[in-house]
Amino acid sequence: MEIKIVGKSGQISVGKAMAGIGFIMETLPGGDILLKHAIVVPVNERWLHEPAMKKKLARADEWMRNNPAKETDLEEVAARIETIS
């Protein structure tokens, strides 16, 4: 346990190991402050973390594991396009 003193600027240093890490600051009754490690999700990316989308992404990951990438034969694709046209 360490004792930290609030500087004249109103800041407390938590050390370089914590640089760039997000925290939620909660002021408790009685004036204590609780810092909780947090991950910030941009509003426009919030939909990626909704249960229905997480399920779809998990299925896509499974499909990719079961269907590894392979080289496309462009001549074969062109031939199929010609037969459709």
PDB file of N, CA and C in Angstrom:
ATOM      1  N   MET A   1       0.848  -1.172   0.000  1.00  0.00           N
ATOM      2  CA  MET A   1       0.000   0.000   0.000  1.00  0.00           C
ATOM      3  C   MET A   1       0.894   1.235   0.000  1.00  0.00           C
ATOM      4  N   GLU A   2       0.484   2.221  -0.751  1.00  0.00           N
ATOM      5  CA  GLU A   2       1.235   3.468  -0.829  1.00  0.00           C
ATOM      6  C   GLU A   2       0.364   4.630  -0.380  1.00  0.00           C
ATOM      7  N   ILE A   3       1.009   5.667   0.048  1.00  0.00           N
ATOM      8  CA  ILE A   3       0.312   6.914   0.346  1.00  0.00           C
ATOM      9  C   ILE A   3       0.630   7.882  -0.778  1.00  0.00           C
ATOM     10  N   LYS A   4      -0.413   8.452  -1.359  1.00  0.00           N
ATOM     11  CA  LYS A   4      -0.260   9.437  -2.420  1.00  0.00           C
ATOM     12  C   LYS A   4      -0.800  10.765  -1.913  1.00  0.00           C
ATOM     13  N   ILE A   5      -0.133  11.832  -2.260  1.00  0.00           N
ATOM     14  CA  ILE A   5      -0.551  13.176  -1.861  1.00  0.00           C
ATOM     15  C   ILE A   5      -1.019  13.926  -3.111  1.00  0.00           C
ATOM     16  N   VAL A   6      -2.169  14.566  -3.009  1.00  0.00           N
ATOM     17  CA  VAL A   6      -2.682  15.358  -4.123  1.00  0.00           C
ATOM     18  C   VAL A   6      -1.811  16.593  -4.244  1.00  0.00           C
ATOM     19  N   GLY A   7      -1.274  16.817  -5.453  1.00  0.00           N
ATOM     20  CA  GLY A   7      -0.412  17.970  -5.689  1.00  0.00           C
ATOM     21  C   GLY A   7      -1.208  19.263  -5.813  1.00  0.00           C
ATOM     22  N   LYS A   8      -0.490  20.364  -5.961  1.00  0.00           N
ATOM     23  CA  LYS A   8      -1.118  21.683  -6.056  1.00  0.00           C
ATOM     24  C   LYS A   8      -2.057  21.779  -7.261  1.00  0.00           C
ATOM     25  N   SER A   9      -1.797  20.990  -8.302  1.00  0.00           N
ATOM     26  CA  SER A   9      -2.644  21.028  -9.503  1.00  0.00           C
ATOM     27  C   SER A   9      -3.899  20.164  -9.339  1.00  0.00           C
ATOM     28  N   GLY A  10      -4.022  19.455  -8.215  1.00  0.00           N
ATOM     29  CA  GLY A  10      -5.183  18.606  -7.986  1.00  0.00           C
ATOM     30  C   GLY A  10      -5.037  17.209  -8.560  1.00  0.00           C
ATOM     31  N   GLN A  11      -3.811  16.815  -8.868  1.00  0.00           N
ATOM     32  CA  GLN A  11      -3.590  15.511  -9.490  1.00  0.00           C
ATOM     33  C   GLN A  11      -2.819  14.573  -8.568  1.00  0.00           C
ATOM     34  N   ILE A  12      -3.036  13.279  -8.801  1.00  0.00           N
ATOM     35  CA  ILE A  12      -2.294  12.229  -8.101  1.00  0.00           C
ATOM     36  C   ILE A  12      -1.627  11.378  -9.177  1.00  0.00           C
ATOM     37  N   SER A  13      -0.367  11.084  -9.016  1.00  0.00           N
ATOM     38  CA  SER A  13       0.330  10.222  -9.965  1.00  0.00           C
ATOM     39  C   SER A  13       0.148   8.771  -9.531  1.00  0.00           C
ATOM     40  N   VAL A  14      -0.265   7.926 -10.491  1.00  0.00           N
ATOM     41  CA  VAL A  14      -0.400   6.500 -10.190  1.00  0.00           C
ATOM     42  C   VAL A  14       0.751   5.691 -10.771  1.00  0.00           C
ATOM     43  N   GLY A  15       1.689   6.357 -11.411  1.00  0.00           N
ATOM     44  CA  GLY A  15       2.872   5.687 -11.931  1.00  0.00           C
ATOM     45  C   GLY A  15       2.808   5.429 -13.425  1.00  0.00           C
ATOM     46  N   LYS A  16       3.984   5.317 -14.034  1.00  0.00           N
ATOM     47  CA  LYS A  16       4.084   5.132 -15.482  1.00  0.00           C
ATOM     48  C   LYS A  16       3.489   3.810 -15.950  1.00  0.00           C
ATOM     49  N   ALA A  17       3.460   2.806 -15.091  1.00  0.00           N
ATOM     50  CA  ALA A  17       2.895   1.508 -15.471  1.00  0.00           C
ATOM     51  C   ALA A  17       1.406   1.621 -15.791  1.00  0.00           C
ATOM     52  N   MET A  18       0.760   2.658 -15.290  1.00  0.00           N
ATOM     53  CA  MET A  18      -0.675   2.857 -15.519  1.00  0.00           C
ATOM     54  C   MET A  18      -0.948   3.842 -16.659  1.00  0.00           C
ATOM     55  N   ALA A  19       0.086   4.349 -17.290  1.00  0.00           N
ATOM     56  CA  ALA A  19      -0.094   5.335 -18.359  1.00  0.00           C
ATOM     57  C   ALA A  19      -0.942   4.756 -19.483  1.00  0.00           C
ATOM     58  N   GLY A  20      -1.937   5.513 -19.919  1.00  0.00           N
ATOM     59  CA  GLY A  20      -2.785   5.106 -21.025  1.00  0.00           C
ATOM     60  C   GLY A  20      -3.925   4.179 -20.658  1.00  0.00           C
ATOM     61  N   ILE A  21      -4.022   3.776 -19.406  1.00  0.00           N
ATOM     62  CA  ILE A  21      -5.088   2.885 -18.965  1.00  0.00           C
ATOM     63  C   ILE A  21      -6.274   3.722 -18.510  1.00  0.00           C
ATOM     64  N   GLY A  22      -7.480   3.308 -18.895  1.00  0.00           N
ATOM     65  CA  GLY A  22      -8.689   4.020 -18.504  1.00  0.00           C
ATOM     66  C   GLY A  22      -9.198   3.569 -17.150  1.00  0.00           C
ATOM     67  N   PHE A  23      -9.803   4.505 -16.436  1.00  0.00           N
ATOM     68  CA  PHE A  23     -10.371   4.206 -15.121  1.00  0.00           C
ATOM     69  C   PHE A  23     -11.713   4.893 -14.970  1.00  0.00           C
ATOM     70  N   ILE A  24     -12.585   4.286 -14.206  1.00  0.00           N
ATOM     71  CA  ILE A  24     -13.807   4.937 -13.759  1.00  0.00           C
ATOM     72  C   ILE A  24     -13.513   5.412 -12.347  1.00  0.00           C
ATOM     73  N   MET A  25     -13.784   6.685 -12.091  1.00  0.00           N
ATOM     74  CA  MET A  25     -13.546   7.236 -10.752  1.00  0.00           C
ATOM     75  C   MET A  25     -14.884   7.355 -10.040  1.00  0.00           C
ATOM     76  N   GLU A  26     -14.978   6.702  -8.901  1.00  0.00           N
ATOM     77  CA  GLU A  26     -16.210   6.727  -8.116  1.00  0.00           C
ATOM     78  C   GLU A  26     -15.918   7.388  -6.772  1.00  0.00           C
ATOM     79  N   THR A  27     -16.683   8.410  -6.443  1.00  0.00           N
ATOM     80  CA  THR A  27     -16.536   9.060  -5.142  1.00  0.00           C
ATOM     81  C   THR A  27     -17.542   8.410  -4.200  1.00  0.00           C
ATOM     82  N   LEU A  28     -17.043   7.812  -3.142  1.00  0.00           N
ATOM     83  CA  LEU A  28     -17.875   7.088  -2.197  1.00  0.00           C
ATOM     84  C   LEU A  28     -18.353   8.018  -1.086  1.00  0.00           C
ATOM     85  N   PRO A  29     -19.428   7.613  -0.405  1.00  0.00           N
ATOM     86  CA  PRO A  29     -19.860   8.413   0.750  1.00  0.00           C
ATOM     87  C   PRO A  29     -18.702   8.524   1.745  1.00  0.00           C
ATOM     88  N   GLY A  30     -18.521   9.679   2.281  1.00  0.00           N
ATOM     89  CA  GLY A  30     -17.411   9.879   3.206  1.00  0.00           C
ATOM     90  C   GLY A  30     -16.196  10.469   2.514  1.00  0.00           C
ATOM     91  N   GLY A  31     -16.231  10.579   1.175  1.00  0.00           N
ATOM     92  CA  GLY A  31     -15.150  11.232   0.453  1.00  0.00           C
ATOM     93  C   GLY A  31     -14.081  10.325  -0.117  1.00  0.00           C
ATOM     94  N   ASP A  32     -14.128   9.025   0.166  1.00  0.00           N
ATOM     95  CA  ASP A  32     -13.147   8.117  -0.431  1.00  0.00           C
ATOM     96  C   ASP A  32     -13.356   8.049  -1.938  1.00  0.00           C
ATOM     97  N   ILE A  33     -12.278   7.794  -2.653  1.00  0.00           N
ATOM     98  CA  ILE A  33     -12.337   7.685  -4.110  1.00  0.00           C
ATOM     99  C   ILE A  33     -11.904   6.281  -4.502  1.00  0.00           C
ATOM    100  N   LEU A  34     -12.699   5.659  -5.373  1.00  0.00           N
ATOM    101  CA  LEU A  34     -12.404   4.321  -5.858  1.00  0.00           C
ATOM    102  C   LEU A  34     -12.134   4.401  -7.352  1.00  0.00           C
ATOM    103  N   LEU A  35     -10.968   3.901  -7.779  1.00  0.00           N
ATOM    104  CA  LEU A  35     -10.642   3.841  -9.205  1.00  0.00           C
ATOM    105  C   LEU A  35     -10.850   2.406  -9.671  1.00  0.00           C
ATOM    106  N   LYS A  36     -11.646   2.249 -10.742  1.00  0.00           N
ATOM    107  CA  LYS A  36     -11.887   0.918 -11.309  1.00  0.00           C
ATOM    108  C   LYS A  36     -11.331   0.898 -12.720  1.00  0.00           C
ATOM    109  N   HIS A  37     -10.498  -0.093 -13.002  1.00  0.00           N
ATOM    110  CA  HIS A  37      -9.927  -0.267 -14.342  1.00  0.00           C
ATOM    111  C   HIS A  37     -11.079  -0.420 -15.326  1.00  0.00           C
ATOM    112  N   ALA A  38     -11.029   0.299 -16.436  1.00  0.00           N
ATOM    113  CA  ALA A  38     -12.143   0.276 -17.388  1.00  0.00           C
ATOM    114  C   ALA A  38     -11.625   0.260 -18.823  1.00  0.00           C
ATOM    115  N   ILE A  39     -12.430  -0.291 -19.689  1.00  0.00           N
ATOM    116  CA  ILE A  39     -12.164  -0.244 -21.122  1.00  0.00           C
ATOM    117  C   ILE A  39     -13.245   0.650 -21.716  1.00  0.00           C
ATOM    118  N   VAL A  40     -12.837   1.627 -22.458  1.00  0.00           N
ATOM    119  CA  VAL A  40     -13.784   2.561 -23.058  1.00  0.00           C
ATOM    120  C   VAL A  40     -14.134   2.077 -24.464  1.00  0.00           C
ATOM    121  N   VAL A  41     -15.429   1.998 -24.742  1.00  0.00           N
ATOM    122  CA  VAL A  41     -15.906   1.587 -26.066  1.00  0.00           C
ATOM    123  C   VAL A  41     -16.537   2.806 -26.732  1.00  0.00           C
ATOM    124  N   PRO A  42     -16.033   3.205 -27.898  1.00  0.00           N
ATOM    125  CA  PRO A  42     -16.641   4.341 -28.590  1.00  0.00           C
ATOM    126  C   PRO A  42     -18.120   4.082 -28.877  1.00  0.00           C
ATOM    127  N   VAL A  43     -18.946   5.108 -28.800  1.00  0.00           N
ATOM    128  CA  VAL A  43     -20.382   4.980 -28.998  1.00  0.00           C
ATOM    129  C   VAL A  43     -20.701   4.314 -30.336  1.00  0.00           C
ATOM    130  N   ASN A  44     -19.989   4.699 -31.392  1.00  0.00           N
ATOM    131  CA  ASN A  44     -20.300   4.141 -32.713  1.00  0.00           C
ATOM    132  C   ASN A  44     -19.843   2.691 -32.874  1.00  0.00           C
ATOM    133  N   GLU A  45     -19.167   2.114 -31.875  1.00  0.00           N
ATOM    134  CA  GLU A  45     -18.757   0.710 -31.916  1.00  0.00           C
ATOM    135  C   GLU A  45     -19.486  -0.127 -30.872  1.00  0.00           C
ATOM    136  N   ARG A  46     -20.405   0.498 -30.140  1.00  0.00           N
ATOM    137  CA  ARG A  46     -21.124  -0.183 -29.061  1.00  0.00           C
ATOM    138  C   ARG A  46     -21.912  -1.385 -29.589  1.00  0.00           C
ATOM    139  N   TRP A  47     -22.447  -1.283 -30.815  1.00  0.00           N
ATOM    140  CA  TRP A  47     -23.253  -2.348 -31.394  1.00  0.00           C
ATOM    141  C   TRP A  47     -22.489  -3.665 -31.511  1.00  0.00           C
ATOM    142  N   LEU A  48     -21.155  -3.583 -31.612  1.00  0.00           N
ATOM    143  CA  LEU A  48     -20.342  -4.798 -31.720  1.00  0.00           C
ATOM    144  C   LEU A  48     -20.358  -5.631 -30.440  1.00  0.00           C
ATOM    145  N   HIS A  49     -20.739  -5.021 -29.327  1.00  0.00           N
ATOM    146  CA  HIS A  49     -20.698  -5.689 -28.028  1.00  0.00           C
ATOM    147  C   HIS A  49     -22.078  -6.131 -27.553  1.00  0.00           C
ATOM    148  N   GLU A  50     -23.106  -5.936 -28.389  1.00  0.00           N
ATOM    149  CA  GLU A  50     -24.446  -6.386 -28.026  1.00  0.00           C
ATOM    150  C   GLU A  50     -24.534  -7.900 -28.217  1.00  0.00           C
ATOM    151  N   PRO A  51     -25.324  -8.588 -27.379  1.00  0.00           N
ATOM    152  CA  PRO A  51     -25.376 -10.055 -27.407  1.00  0.00           C
ATOM    153  C   PRO A  51     -25.649 -10.664 -28.788  1.00  0.00           C
ATOM    154  N   ALA A  52     -26.597 -10.111 -29.546  1.00  0.00           N
ATOM    155  CA  ALA A  52     -26.915 -10.691 -30.865  1.00  0.00           C
ATOM    156  C   ALA A  52     -25.712 -10.600 -31.799  1.00  0.00           C
ATOM    157  N   MET A  53     -25.004  -9.471 -31.778  1.00  0.00           N
ATOM    158  CA  MET A  53     -23.848  -9.305 -32.659  1.00  0.00           C
ATOM    159  C   MET A  53     -22.685 -10.174 -32.188  1.00  0.00           C
ATOM    160  N   LYS A  54     -22.498 -10.297 -30.882  1.00  0.00           N
ATOM    161  CA  LYS A  54     -21.430 -11.164 -30.368  1.00  0.00           C
ATOM    162  C   LYS A  54     -21.644 -12.603 -30.842  1.00  0.00           C
ATOM    163  N   LYS A  55     -22.917 -13.021 -30.882  1.00  0.00           N
ATOM    164  CA  LYS A  55     -23.243 -14.372 -31.348  1.00  0.00           C
ATOM    165  C   LYS A  55     -22.878 -14.527 -32.823  1.00  0.00           C
ATOM    166  N   LYS A  56     -23.251 -13.530 -33.640  1.00  0.00           N
ATOM    167  CA  LYS A  56     -22.935 -13.582 -35.073  1.00  0.00           C
ATOM    168  C   LYS A  56     -21.424 -13.599 -35.297  1.00  0.00           C
ATOM    169  N   LEU A  57     -20.705 -12.787 -34.534  1.00  0.00           N
ATOM    170  CA  LEU A  57     -19.245 -12.742 -34.682  1.00  0.00           C
ATOM    171  C   LEU A  57     -18.608 -14.066 -34.272  1.00  0.00           C
ATOM    172  N   ALA A  58     -19.145 -14.695 -33.230  1.00  0.00           N
ATOM    173  CA  ALA A  58     -18.625 -15.996 -32.794  1.00  0.00           C
ATOM    174  C   ALA A  58     -18.846 -17.044 -33.891  1.00  0.00           C
ATOM    175  N   ARG A  59     -20.032 -17.004 -34.553  1.00  0.00           N
ATOM    176  CA  ARG A  59     -20.297 -17.945 -35.652  1.00  0.00           C
ATOM    177  C   ARG A  59     -19.357 -17.688 -36.821  1.00  0.00           C
ATOM    178  N   ALA A  60     -19.096 -16.413 -37.110  1.00  0.00           N
ATOM    179  CA  ALA A  60     -18.180 -16.075 -38.202  1.00  0.00           C
ATOM    180  C   ALA A  60     -16.764 -16.567 -37.887  1.00  0.00           C
ATOM    181  N   ASP A  61     -16.329 -16.406 -36.644  1.00  0.00           N
ATOM    182  CA  ASP A  61     -15.004 -16.901 -36.238  1.00  0.00           C
ATOM    183  C   ASP A  61     -14.912 -18.415 -36.415  1.00  0.00           C
ATOM    184  N   GLU A  62     -15.973 -19.108 -36.011  1.00  0.00           N
ATOM    185  CA  GLU A  62     -15.975 -20.569 -36.146  1.00  0.00           C
ATOM    186  C   GLU A  62     -15.915 -20.963 -37.624  1.00  0.00           C
ATOM    187  N   TRP A  63     -16.681 -20.267 -38.478  1.00  0.00           N
ATOM    188  CA  TRP A  63     -16.669 -20.562 -39.909  1.00  0.00           C
ATOM    189  C   TRP A  63     -15.264 -20.363 -40.473  1.00  0.00           C
ATOM    190  N   MET A  64     -14.593 -19.286 -40.066  1.00  0.00           N
ATOM    191  CA  MET A  64     -13.236 -19.015 -40.573  1.00  0.00           C
ATOM    192  C   MET A  64     -12.249 -20.091 -40.120  1.00  0.00           C
ATOM    193  N   ARG A  65     -12.413 -20.583 -38.893  1.00  0.00           N
ATOM    194  CA  ARG A  65     -11.527 -21.653 -38.417  1.00  0.00           C
ATOM    195  C   ARG A  65     -11.736 -22.934 -39.235  1.00  0.00           C
ATOM    196  N   ASN A  66     -12.996 -23.203 -39.611  1.00  0.00           N
ATOM    197  CA  ASN A  66     -13.325 -24.432 -40.351  1.00  0.00           C
ATOM    198  C   ASN A  66     -13.153 -24.297 -41.854  1.00  0.00           C
ATOM    199  N   ASN A  67     -12.964 -23.096 -42.349  1.00  0.00           N
ATOM    200  CA  ASN A  67     -12.829 -22.849 -43.786  1.00  0.00           C
ATOM    201  C   ASN A  67     -11.619 -21.958 -44.044  1.00  0.00           C
ATOM    202  N   PRO A  68     -10.431 -22.523 -43.981  1.00  0.00           N
ATOM    203  CA  PRO A  68      -9.226 -21.700 -44.143  1.00  0.00           C
ATOM    204  C   PRO A  68      -9.180 -21.032 -45.521  1.00  0.00           C
ATOM    205  N   ALA A  69      -8.530 -19.901 -45.582  1.00  0.00           N
ATOM    206  CA  ALA A  69      -8.401 -19.150 -46.842  1.00  0.00           C
ATOM    207  C   ALA A  69      -7.639 -19.988 -47.866  1.00  0.00           C
ATOM    208  N   LYS A  70      -8.046 -19.846 -49.116  1.00  0.00           N
ATOM    209  CA  LYS A  70      -7.341 -20.541 -50.192  1.00  0.00           C
ATOM    210  C   LYS A  70      -7.278 -19.613 -51.397  1.00  0.00           C
ATOM    211  N   GLU A  71      -6.344 -19.865 -52.260  1.00  0.00           N
ATOM    212  CA  GLU A  71      -6.149 -19.027 -53.434  1.00  0.00           C
ATOM    213  C   GLU A  71      -7.313 -19.196 -54.402  1.00  0.00           C
ATOM    214  N   THR A  72      -7.781 -18.077 -54.948  1.00  0.00           N
ATOM    215  CA  THR A  72      -8.884 -18.092 -55.917  1.00  0.00           C
ATOM    216  C   THR A  72      -8.334 -18.260 -57.326  1.00  0.00           C
ATOM    217  N   ASP A  73      -8.959 -19.174 -58.076  1.00  0.00           N
ATOM    218  CA  ASP A  73      -8.603 -19.375 -59.486  1.00  0.00           C
ATOM    219  C   ASP A  73      -9.415 -18.376 -60.300  1.00  0.00           C
ATOM    220  N   LEU A  74      -8.805 -17.254 -60.672  1.00  0.00           N
ATOM    221  CA  LEU A  74      -9.511 -16.172 -61.363  1.00  0.00           C
ATOM    222  C   LEU A  74     -10.017 -16.598 -62.728  1.00  0.00           C
ATOM    223  N   GLU A  75      -9.311 -17.492 -63.387  1.00  0.00           N
ATOM    224  CA  GLU A  75      -9.771 -17.984 -64.696  1.00  0.00           C
ATOM    225  C   GLU A  75     -11.072 -18.763 -64.538  1.00  0.00           C
ATOM    226  N   GLU A  76     -11.163 -19.550 -63.488  1.00  0.00           N
ATOM    227  CA  GLU A  76     -12.396 -20.313 -63.224  1.00  0.00           C
ATOM    228  C   GLU A  76     -13.553 -19.371 -62.930  1.00  0.00           C
ATOM    229  N   VAL A  77     -13.312 -18.339 -62.136  1.00  0.00           N
ATOM    230  CA  VAL A  77     -14.356 -17.354 -61.818  1.00  0.00           C
ATOM    231  C   VAL A  77     -14.812 -16.656 -63.086  1.00  0.00           C
ATOM    232  N   ALA A  78     -13.874 -16.239 -63.929  1.00  0.00           N
ATOM    233  CA  ALA A  78     -14.217 -15.574 -65.196  1.00  0.00           C
ATOM    234  C   ALA A  78     -15.050 -16.490 -66.076  1.00  0.00           C
ATOM    235  N   ALA A  79     -14.705 -17.771 -66.119  1.00  0.00           N
ATOM    236  CA  ALA A  79     -15.449 -18.727 -66.936  1.00  0.00           C
ATOM    237  C   ALA A  79     -16.880 -18.882 -66.412  1.00  0.00           C
ATOM    238  N   ARG A  80     -17.060 -18.911 -65.097  1.00  0.00           N
ATOM    239  CA  ARG A  80     -18.403 -19.008 -64.523  1.00  0.00           C
ATOM    240  C   ARG A  80     -19.219 -17.764 -64.837  1.00  0.00           C
ATOM    241  N   ILE A  81     -18.593 -16.604 -64.810  1.00  0.00           N
ATOM    242  CA  ILE A  81     -19.296 -15.354 -65.125  1.00  0.00           C
ATOM    243  C   ILE A  81     -19.765 -15.387 -66.572  1.00  0.00           C
ATOM    244  N   GLU A  82     -18.910 -15.875 -67.463  1.00  0.00           N
ATOM    245  CA  GLU A  82     -19.267 -15.942 -68.880  1.00  0.00           C
ATOM    246  C   GLU A  82     -20.459 -16.856 -69.113  1.00  0.00           C
ATOM    247  N   THR A  83     -20.537 -17.974 -68.375  1.00  0.00           N
ATOM    248  CA  THR A  83     -21.648 -18.909 -68.575  1.00  0.00           C
ATOM    249  C   THR A  83     -22.957 -18.329 -68.008  1.00  0.00           C
ATOM    250  N   ILE A  84     -22.873 -17.465 -67.036  1.00  0.00           N
ATOM    251  CA  ILE A  84     -24.067 -16.841 -66.451  1.00  0.00           C
ATOM    252  C   ILE A  84     -24.592 -15.748 -67.375  1.00  0.00           C
ATOM    253  N   SER A  85     -23.713 -15.028 -68.050  1.00  0.00           N
ATOM    254  CA  SER A  85     -24.125 -13.882 -68.871  1.00  0.00           C
ATOM    255  C   SER A  85     -24.825 -14.290 -70.132  1.00  0.00           C
TER     256      SER A  85
END
